[in-house]
Amino acid sequence: MRVLVIGLGAFGFWFSRTMKEMGHEVIVVERDEALVDRHAEWVTRAVAGDATDPALLERVGAGVDAAVIATGEDLSTTILVTMALRDLGVKEIYAKARSVNAVRALDRVGVTEAVFPERDAGVRLAHSIISREVLDYTPLGEGFSMQEITVPESWTGRSLVELGPRERMGLQVVAVRDALTGELSLPPDPAARLKPSDSLLVAGRDEELEKLSPGDG
């Protein structure tokens, strides 16, 4: 995959570095030459310049599969870059936002997804603090989420066929991860018996997911 990233702040750097480590081609445009020099080794190509310049974007961003606007500080700049990328024919555009209002504005100009990292990190942390069984939390929509949870105590030694979480609770177990080996089963084997070392990636209504405490069965 070939990805164009605008901005090498903390968010842009970690996204770019992760994508590069996963084997993808990452091209970055950043105004600050010091940041370009500092992080160039972590990306495929880093260019110092103004991402609102259509000529620059056309030169470095032609043929990319997706673009990530990782700046977020100036909404008007993000919108200008989005429009320039659209003119280049980039179909998948993800943009960092600093507020709910910015998310709404970016949705209206046609970004694929507006990312609000501070909000998302805060929501995940709150759920992790409230319930130590929640290892990760990803909102899917109003009242719905995907969560990675430890296996409820009463589920240990039983299979998903026996438990019937989809039929009984409307929950879909997407994957099972063994914390000891790191092995991920996706989709999970419905006949395999769950172990104490397993964690479950489950999607469904928040109110049903909250019922999955270690003692519930």
C-alpha atoms as a PDB file:
ATOM      1  CA  MET A   1       0.000   0.000   0.000  1.00  0.00           C
ATOM      2  CA  ARG A   2       1.232   3.521  -0.825  1.00  0.00           C
ATOM      3  CA  VAL A   3       0.236   6.177   1.720  1.00  0.00           C
ATOM      4  CA  LEU A   4       0.735   9.948   1.781  1.00  0.00           C
ATOM      5  CA  VAL A   5       0.977  11.541   5.239  1.00  0.00           C
ATOM      6  CA  ILE A   6       0.703  15.279   5.832  1.00  0.00           C
ATOM      7  CA  GLY A   7       2.493  16.331   9.023  1.00  0.00           C
ATOM      8  CA  LEU A   8       5.141  14.738  11.224  1.00  0.00           C
ATOM      9  CA  GLY A   9       3.889  15.671  14.665  1.00  0.00           C
ATOM     10  CA  ALA A  10       3.424  12.918  17.243  1.00  0.00           C
ATOM     11  CA  PHE A  11       0.313  11.495  15.573  1.00  0.00           C
ATOM     12  CA  GLY A  12       1.747  11.653  12.059  1.00  0.00           C
ATOM     13  CA  PHE A  13       5.093  10.214  13.117  1.00  0.00           C
ATOM     14  CA  TRP A  14       3.683   7.199  14.933  1.00  0.00           C
ATOM     15  CA  PHE A  15       1.212   6.472  12.149  1.00  0.00           C
ATOM     16  CA  SER A  16       3.953   6.751   9.511  1.00  0.00           C
ATOM     17  CA  ARG A  17       6.451   4.672  11.460  1.00  0.00           C
ATOM     18  CA  THR A  18       3.893   1.927  12.126  1.00  0.00           C
ATOM     19  CA  MET A  19       2.824   1.763   8.472  1.00  0.00           C
ATOM     20  CA  LYS A  20       6.467   1.596   7.343  1.00  0.00           C
ATOM     21  CA  GLU A  21       7.232  -1.174   9.852  1.00  0.00           C
ATOM     22  CA  MET A  22       4.237  -3.085   8.464  1.00  0.00           C
ATOM     23  CA  GLY A  23       5.878  -3.004   5.045  1.00  0.00           C
ATOM     24  CA  HIS A  24       3.977  -0.186   3.344  1.00  0.00           C
ATOM     25  CA  GLU A  25       5.359   2.736   1.332  1.00  0.00           C
ATOM     26  CA  VAL A  26       4.990   5.986   3.297  1.00  0.00           C
ATOM     27  CA  ILE A  27       5.553   9.426   1.780  1.00  0.00           C
ATOM     28  CA  VAL A  28       5.451  12.384   4.182  1.00  0.00           C
ATOM     29  CA  VAL A  29       5.084  16.123   3.589  1.00  0.00           C
ATOM     30  CA  GLU A  30       6.082  18.335   6.533  1.00  0.00           C
ATOM     31  CA  ARG A  31       6.693  22.117   6.736  1.00  0.00           C
ATOM     32  CA  ASP A  32       9.360  21.864   9.450  1.00  0.00           C
ATOM     33  CA  GLU A  33      12.672  20.801   7.913  1.00  0.00           C
ATOM     34  CA  ALA A  34      14.009  19.846  11.359  1.00  0.00           C
ATOM     35  CA  LEU A  35      11.222  17.283  11.756  1.00  0.00           C
ATOM     36  CA  VAL A  36      11.895  15.956   8.265  1.00  0.00           C
ATOM     37  CA  ASP A  37      15.582  15.466   9.090  1.00  0.00           C
ATOM     38  CA  ARG A  38      14.801  13.914  12.483  1.00  0.00           C
ATOM     39  CA  HIS A  39      12.265  11.353  11.270  1.00  0.00           C
ATOM     40  CA  ALA A  40      13.311  10.667   7.664  1.00  0.00           C
ATOM     41  CA  GLU A  41      14.757   7.251   8.560  1.00  0.00           C
ATOM     42  CA  TRP A  42      11.326   6.040   9.727  1.00  0.00           C
ATOM     43  CA  VAL A  43       9.513   6.671   6.426  1.00  0.00           C
ATOM     44  CA  THR A  44      10.044   5.813   2.782  1.00  0.00           C
ATOM     45  CA  ARG A  45      10.366   9.422   1.680  1.00  0.00           C
ATOM     46  CA  ALA A  46      10.074  12.713   3.564  1.00  0.00           C
ATOM     47  CA  VAL A  47       9.626  16.044   1.790  1.00  0.00           C
ATOM     48  CA  ALA A  48       9.860  19.496   3.370  1.00  0.00           C
ATOM     49  CA  GLY A  49       7.159  21.767   1.983  1.00  0.00           C
ATOM     50  CA  ASP A  50       3.689  23.273   2.158  1.00  0.00           C
ATOM     51  CA  ALA A  51       0.985  20.633   1.698  1.00  0.00           C
ATOM     52  CA  THR A  52      -1.535  23.284   0.580  1.00  0.00           C
ATOM     53  CA  ASP A  53       0.541  23.700  -2.607  1.00  0.00           C
ATOM     54  CA  PRO A  54      -1.291  21.620  -5.255  1.00  0.00           C
ATOM     55  CA  ALA A  55       1.870  21.359  -7.369  1.00  0.00           C
ATOM     56  CA  LEU A  56       3.801  19.810  -4.490  1.00  0.00           C
ATOM     57  CA  LEU A  57       1.007  17.358  -3.704  1.00  0.00           C
ATOM     58  CA  GLU A  58       0.760  16.389  -7.365  1.00  0.00           C
ATOM     59  CA  ARG A  59       4.512  15.771  -7.484  1.00  0.00           C
ATOM     60  CA  VAL A  60       4.733  13.563  -4.375  1.00  0.00           C
ATOM     61  CA  GLY A  61       1.202  12.208  -4.002  1.00  0.00           C
ATOM     62  CA  ALA A  62       0.304  10.934  -7.440  1.00  0.00           C
ATOM     63  CA  GLY A  63      -0.909   7.353  -7.354  1.00  0.00           C
ATOM     64  CA  VAL A  64      -1.216   6.973  -3.576  1.00  0.00           C
ATOM     65  CA  ASP A  65      -3.827   4.564  -2.231  1.00  0.00           C
ATOM     66  CA  ALA A  66      -4.712   6.737   0.757  1.00  0.00           C
ATOM     67  CA  ALA A  67      -3.786   9.999   2.449  1.00  0.00           C
ATOM     68  CA  VAL A  68      -3.680  10.943   6.119  1.00  0.00           C
ATOM     69  CA  ILE A  69      -3.793  14.625   7.094  1.00  0.00           C
ATOM     70  CA  ALA A  70      -2.132  14.396  10.497  1.00  0.00           C
ATOM     71  CA  THR A  71      -1.822  18.091  11.370  1.00  0.00           C
ATOM     72  CA  GLY A  72      -5.246  19.043  12.744  1.00  0.00           C
ATOM     73  CA  GLU A  73      -4.229  22.370  14.300  1.00  0.00           C
ATOM     74  CA  ASP A  74      -5.696  24.550  11.553  1.00  0.00           C
ATOM     75  CA  LEU A  75      -9.078  23.391  10.217  1.00  0.00           C
ATOM     76  CA  SER A  76      -8.933  25.658   7.170  1.00  0.00           C
ATOM     77  CA  THR A  77      -5.573  24.158   6.166  1.00  0.00           C
ATOM     78  CA  THR A  78      -6.941  20.642   6.555  1.00  0.00           C
ATOM     79  CA  ILE A  79      -9.904  21.514   4.339  1.00  0.00           C
ATOM     80  CA  LEU A  80      -7.641  23.038   1.663  1.00  0.00           C
ATOM     81  CA  VAL A  81      -5.422  19.940   1.647  1.00  0.00           C
ATOM     82  CA  THR A  82      -8.497  17.696   1.478  1.00  0.00           C
ATOM     83  CA  MET A  83      -9.790  19.553  -1.585  1.00  0.00           C
ATOM     84  CA  ALA A  84      -6.372  19.379  -3.267  1.00  0.00           C
ATOM     85  CA  LEU A  85      -6.160  15.636  -2.625  1.00  0.00           C
ATOM     86  CA  ARG A  86      -9.655  15.143  -4.017  1.00  0.00           C
ATOM     87  CA  ASP A  87      -8.604  17.015  -7.177  1.00  0.00           C
ATOM     88  CA  LEU A  88      -5.685  14.564  -7.467  1.00  0.00           C
ATOM     89  CA  GLY A  89      -8.126  11.665  -7.351  1.00  0.00           C
ATOM     90  CA  VAL A  90      -7.178  10.345  -3.900  1.00  0.00           C
ATOM     91  CA  LYS A  91     -10.272   8.449  -2.778  1.00  0.00           C
ATOM     92  CA  GLU A  92      -9.307   7.483   0.770  1.00  0.00           C
ATOM     93  CA  ILE A  93      -8.595  10.565   2.907  1.00  0.00           C
ATOM     94  CA  TYR A  94      -8.290  10.447   6.705  1.00  0.00           C
ATOM     95  CA  ALA A  95      -7.916  13.660   8.672  1.00  0.00           C
ATOM     96  CA  LYS A  96      -7.040  14.440  12.271  1.00  0.00           C
ATOM     97  CA  ALA A  97      -9.511  16.731  14.050  1.00  0.00           C
ATOM     98  CA  ARG A  98      -9.203  18.752  17.261  1.00  0.00           C
ATOM     99  CA  SER A  99     -12.915  19.073  18.127  1.00  0.00           C
ATOM    100  CA  VAL A 100     -16.358  17.602  17.485  1.00  0.00           C
ATOM    101  CA  ASN A 101     -17.189  20.630  15.322  1.00  0.00           C
ATOM    102  CA  ALA A 102     -14.077  19.988  13.248  1.00  0.00           C
ATOM    103  CA  VAL A 103     -15.161  16.374  12.771  1.00  0.00           C
ATOM    104  CA  ARG A 104     -18.531  17.575  11.447  1.00  0.00           C
ATOM    105  CA  ALA A 105     -16.896  20.067   9.087  1.00  0.00           C
ATOM    106  CA  LEU A 106     -14.485  17.468   7.714  1.00  0.00           C
ATOM    107  CA  ASP A 107     -17.308  14.976   7.206  1.00  0.00           C
ATOM    108  CA  ARG A 108     -19.056  17.602   5.074  1.00  0.00           C
ATOM    109  CA  VAL A 109     -16.072  18.178   2.804  1.00  0.00           C
ATOM    110  CA  GLY A 110     -15.886  14.479   2.092  1.00  0.00           C
ATOM    111  CA  VAL A 111     -13.095  12.940   4.147  1.00  0.00           C
ATOM    112  CA  THR A 112     -13.335   9.175   4.458  1.00  0.00           C
ATOM    113  CA  GLU A 113     -12.989   9.490   8.228  1.00  0.00           C
ATOM    114  CA  ALA A 114     -12.236  12.320  10.633  1.00  0.00           C
ATOM    115  CA  VAL A 115     -10.041  11.044  13.477  1.00  0.00           C
ATOM    116  CA  PHE A 116     -10.262  12.647  16.931  1.00  0.00           C
ATOM    117  CA  PRO A 117      -7.321  10.974  18.763  1.00  0.00           C
ATOM    118  CA  GLU A 118      -7.710  12.788  22.100  1.00  0.00           C
ATOM    119  CA  ARG A 119     -11.394  11.889  22.351  1.00  0.00           C
ATOM    120  CA  ASP A 120     -10.844   8.275  21.291  1.00  0.00           C
ATOM    121  CA  ALA A 121      -7.934   7.788  23.700  1.00  0.00           C
ATOM    122  CA  GLY A 122      -9.956   9.343  26.534  1.00  0.00           C
ATOM    123  CA  VAL A 123     -12.936   7.069  25.879  1.00  0.00           C
ATOM    124  CA  ARG A 124     -10.732   3.965  25.801  1.00  0.00           C
ATOM    125  CA  LEU A 125      -8.949   4.940  29.004  1.00  0.00           C
ATOM    126  CA  ALA A 126     -12.237   5.608  30.818  1.00  0.00           C
ATOM    127  CA  HIS A 127     -13.586   2.183  29.892  1.00  0.00           C
ATOM    128  CA  SER A 128     -10.319   0.494  30.880  1.00  0.00           C
ATOM    129  CA  ILE A 129     -10.324   2.200  34.287  1.00  0.00           C
ATOM    130  CA  ILE A 130     -13.984   1.420  34.977  1.00  0.00           C
ATOM    131  CA  SER A 131     -13.579  -2.237  34.043  1.00  0.00           C
ATOM    132  CA  ARG A 132     -10.194  -3.917  34.304  1.00  0.00           C
ATOM    133  CA  GLU A 133     -11.585  -6.714  32.140  1.00  0.00           C
ATOM    134  CA  VAL A 134     -11.724  -4.319  29.167  1.00  0.00           C
ATOM    135  CA  LEU A 135      -8.321  -4.436  27.446  1.00  0.00           C
ATOM    136  CA  ASP A 136      -9.308  -2.222  24.524  1.00  0.00           C
ATOM    137  CA  TYR A 137     -12.390  -0.255  23.474  1.00  0.00           C
ATOM    138  CA  THR A 138     -13.380   0.970  20.000  1.00  0.00           C
ATOM    139  CA  PRO A 139     -16.713   2.802  19.545  1.00  0.00           C
ATOM    140  CA  LEU A 140     -18.680   1.649  16.491  1.00  0.00           C
ATOM    141  CA  GLY A 141     -21.657   3.986  16.774  1.00  0.00           C
ATOM    142  CA  GLU A 142     -24.166   5.253  19.302  1.00  0.00           C
ATOM    143  CA  GLY A 143     -24.443   2.537  21.965  1.00  0.00           C
ATOM    144  CA  PHE A 144     -22.269   0.014  20.105  1.00  0.00           C
ATOM    145  CA  SER A 145     -18.583  -0.845  20.392  1.00  0.00           C
ATOM    146  CA  MET A 146     -15.920  -3.468  19.827  1.00  0.00           C
ATOM    147  CA  GLN A 147     -14.017  -4.458  22.953  1.00  0.00           C
ATOM    148  CA  GLU A 148     -11.163  -6.780  23.782  1.00  0.00           C
ATOM    149  CA  ILE A 149     -12.004  -8.365  27.122  1.00  0.00           C
ATOM    150  CA  THR A 150     -10.622 -11.093  29.341  1.00  0.00           C
ATOM    151  CA  VAL A 151     -12.609 -14.320  29.271  1.00  0.00           C
ATOM    152  CA  PRO A 152     -15.365 -14.290  31.922  1.00  0.00           C
ATOM    153  CA  GLU A 153     -14.574 -16.879  34.596  1.00  0.00           C
ATOM    154  CA  SER A 154     -17.751 -18.840  33.927  1.00  0.00           C
ATOM    155  CA  TRP A 155     -16.895 -19.060  30.209  1.00  0.00           C
ATOM    156  CA  THR A 156     -13.558 -20.786  30.836  1.00  0.00           C
ATOM    157  CA  GLY A 157     -13.530 -24.371  29.568  1.00  0.00           C
ATOM    158  CA  ARG A 158     -16.614 -23.836  27.418  1.00  0.00           C
ATOM    159  CA  SER A 159     -16.899 -23.266  23.669  1.00  0.00           C
ATOM    160  CA  LEU A 160     -18.654 -20.489  21.786  1.00  0.00           C
ATOM    161  CA  VAL A 161     -21.099 -23.084  20.468  1.00  0.00           C
ATOM    162  CA  GLU A 162     -22.090 -23.934  24.040  1.00  0.00           C
ATOM    163  CA  LEU A 163     -22.209 -20.318  25.198  1.00  0.00           C
ATOM    164  CA  GLY A 164     -24.133 -18.938  22.230  1.00  0.00           C
ATOM    165  CA  PRO A 165     -23.226 -15.239  22.815  1.00  0.00           C
ATOM    166  CA  ARG A 166     -24.831 -14.117  19.556  1.00  0.00           C
ATOM    167  CA  GLU A 167     -28.091 -15.931  20.209  1.00  0.00           C
ATOM    168  CA  ARG A 168     -28.291 -15.136  23.932  1.00  0.00           C
ATOM    169  CA  MET A 169     -26.877 -11.615  24.054  1.00  0.00           C
ATOM    170  CA  GLY A 170     -26.621 -10.346  20.481  1.00  0.00           C
ATOM    171  CA  LEU A 171     -22.806 -10.268  20.769  1.00  0.00           C
ATOM    172  CA  GLN A 172     -20.423 -11.299  18.018  1.00  0.00           C
ATOM    173  CA  VAL A 173     -17.080 -12.788  19.059  1.00  0.00           C
ATOM    174  CA  VAL A 174     -14.816 -11.643  16.228  1.00  0.00           C
ATOM    175  CA  ALA A 175     -11.545 -13.155  17.405  1.00  0.00           C
ATOM    176  CA  VAL A 176      -9.837 -15.006  20.264  1.00  0.00           C
ATOM    177  CA  ARG A 177      -6.288 -14.132  21.331  1.00  0.00           C
ATOM    178  CA  ASP A 178      -4.068 -16.333  23.535  1.00  0.00           C
ATOM    179  CA  ALA A 179      -2.074 -13.961  25.763  1.00  0.00           C
ATOM    180  CA  LEU A 180       0.587 -16.607  26.454  1.00  0.00           C
ATOM    181  CA  THR A 181       1.434 -17.424  22.842  1.00  0.00           C
ATOM    182  CA  GLY A 182       0.160 -14.299  21.082  1.00  0.00           C
ATOM    183  CA  GLU A 183      -1.779 -16.533  18.685  1.00  0.00           C
ATOM    184  CA  LEU A 184      -4.853 -14.852  17.175  1.00  0.00           C
ATOM    185  CA  SER A 185      -7.784 -16.940  15.917  1.00  0.00           C
ATOM    186  CA  LEU A 186      -9.820 -14.888  13.447  1.00  0.00           C
ATOM    187  CA  PRO A 187     -12.474 -16.049  12.958  1.00  0.00           C
ATOM    188  CA  PRO A 188     -12.412 -18.110  16.149  1.00  0.00           C
ATOM    189  CA  ASP A 189     -13.021 -21.848  16.200  1.00  0.00           C
ATOM    190  CA  PRO A 190     -16.577 -22.073  17.619  1.00  0.00           C
ATOM    191  CA  ALA A 191     -15.866 -25.553  19.018  1.00  0.00           C
ATOM    192  CA  ALA A 192     -12.585 -24.665  20.782  1.00  0.00           C
ATOM    193  CA  ARG A 193     -12.761 -24.418  24.570  1.00  0.00           C
ATOM    194  CA  LEU A 194     -11.829 -21.035  25.994  1.00  0.00           C
ATOM    195  CA  LYS A 195      -8.777 -20.827  28.256  1.00  0.00           C
ATOM    196  CA  PRO A 196      -8.030 -18.469  31.180  1.00  0.00           C
ATOM    197  CA  SER A 197      -5.204 -16.986  29.091  1.00  0.00           C
ATOM    198  CA  ASP A 198      -7.561 -16.043  26.249  1.00  0.00           C
ATOM    199  CA  SER A 199      -8.970 -12.618  25.502  1.00  0.00           C
ATOM    200  CA  LEU A 200     -11.994 -12.055  23.285  1.00  0.00           C
ATOM    201  CA  LEU A 201     -12.591  -9.398  20.653  1.00  0.00           C
ATOM    202  CA  VAL A 202     -16.352  -8.859  20.926  1.00  0.00           C
ATOM    203  CA  ALA A 203     -18.711  -6.491  19.081  1.00  0.00           C
ATOM    204  CA  GLY A 204     -22.215  -5.505  20.158  1.00  0.00           C
ATOM    205  CA  ARG A 205     -24.311  -3.222  22.333  1.00  0.00           C
ATOM    206  CA  ASP A 206     -22.448  -1.561  25.195  1.00  0.00           C
ATOM    207  CA  GLU A 207     -25.169  -2.518  27.676  1.00  0.00           C
ATOM    208  CA  GLU A 208     -24.714  -6.200  26.853  1.00  0.00           C
ATOM    209  CA  LEU A 209     -20.920  -5.984  26.860  1.00  0.00           C
ATOM    210  CA  GLU A 210     -21.019  -4.432  30.340  1.00  0.00           C
ATOM    211  CA  LYS A 211     -22.662  -7.621  31.620  1.00  0.00           C
ATOM    212  CA  LEU A 212     -19.594  -9.686  30.767  1.00  0.00           C
ATOM    213  CA  SER A 213     -17.897  -9.467  34.145  1.00  0.00           C
ATOM    214  CA  PRO A 214     -15.732 -12.412  35.232  1.00  0.00           C
ATOM    215  CA  GLY A 215     -18.581 -13.929  37.220  1.00  0.00           C
ATOM    216  CA  ASP A 216     -21.267 -13.695  34.537  1.00  0.00           C
ATOM    217  CA  GLY A 217     -22.152 -16.683  32.438  1.00  0.00           C
END
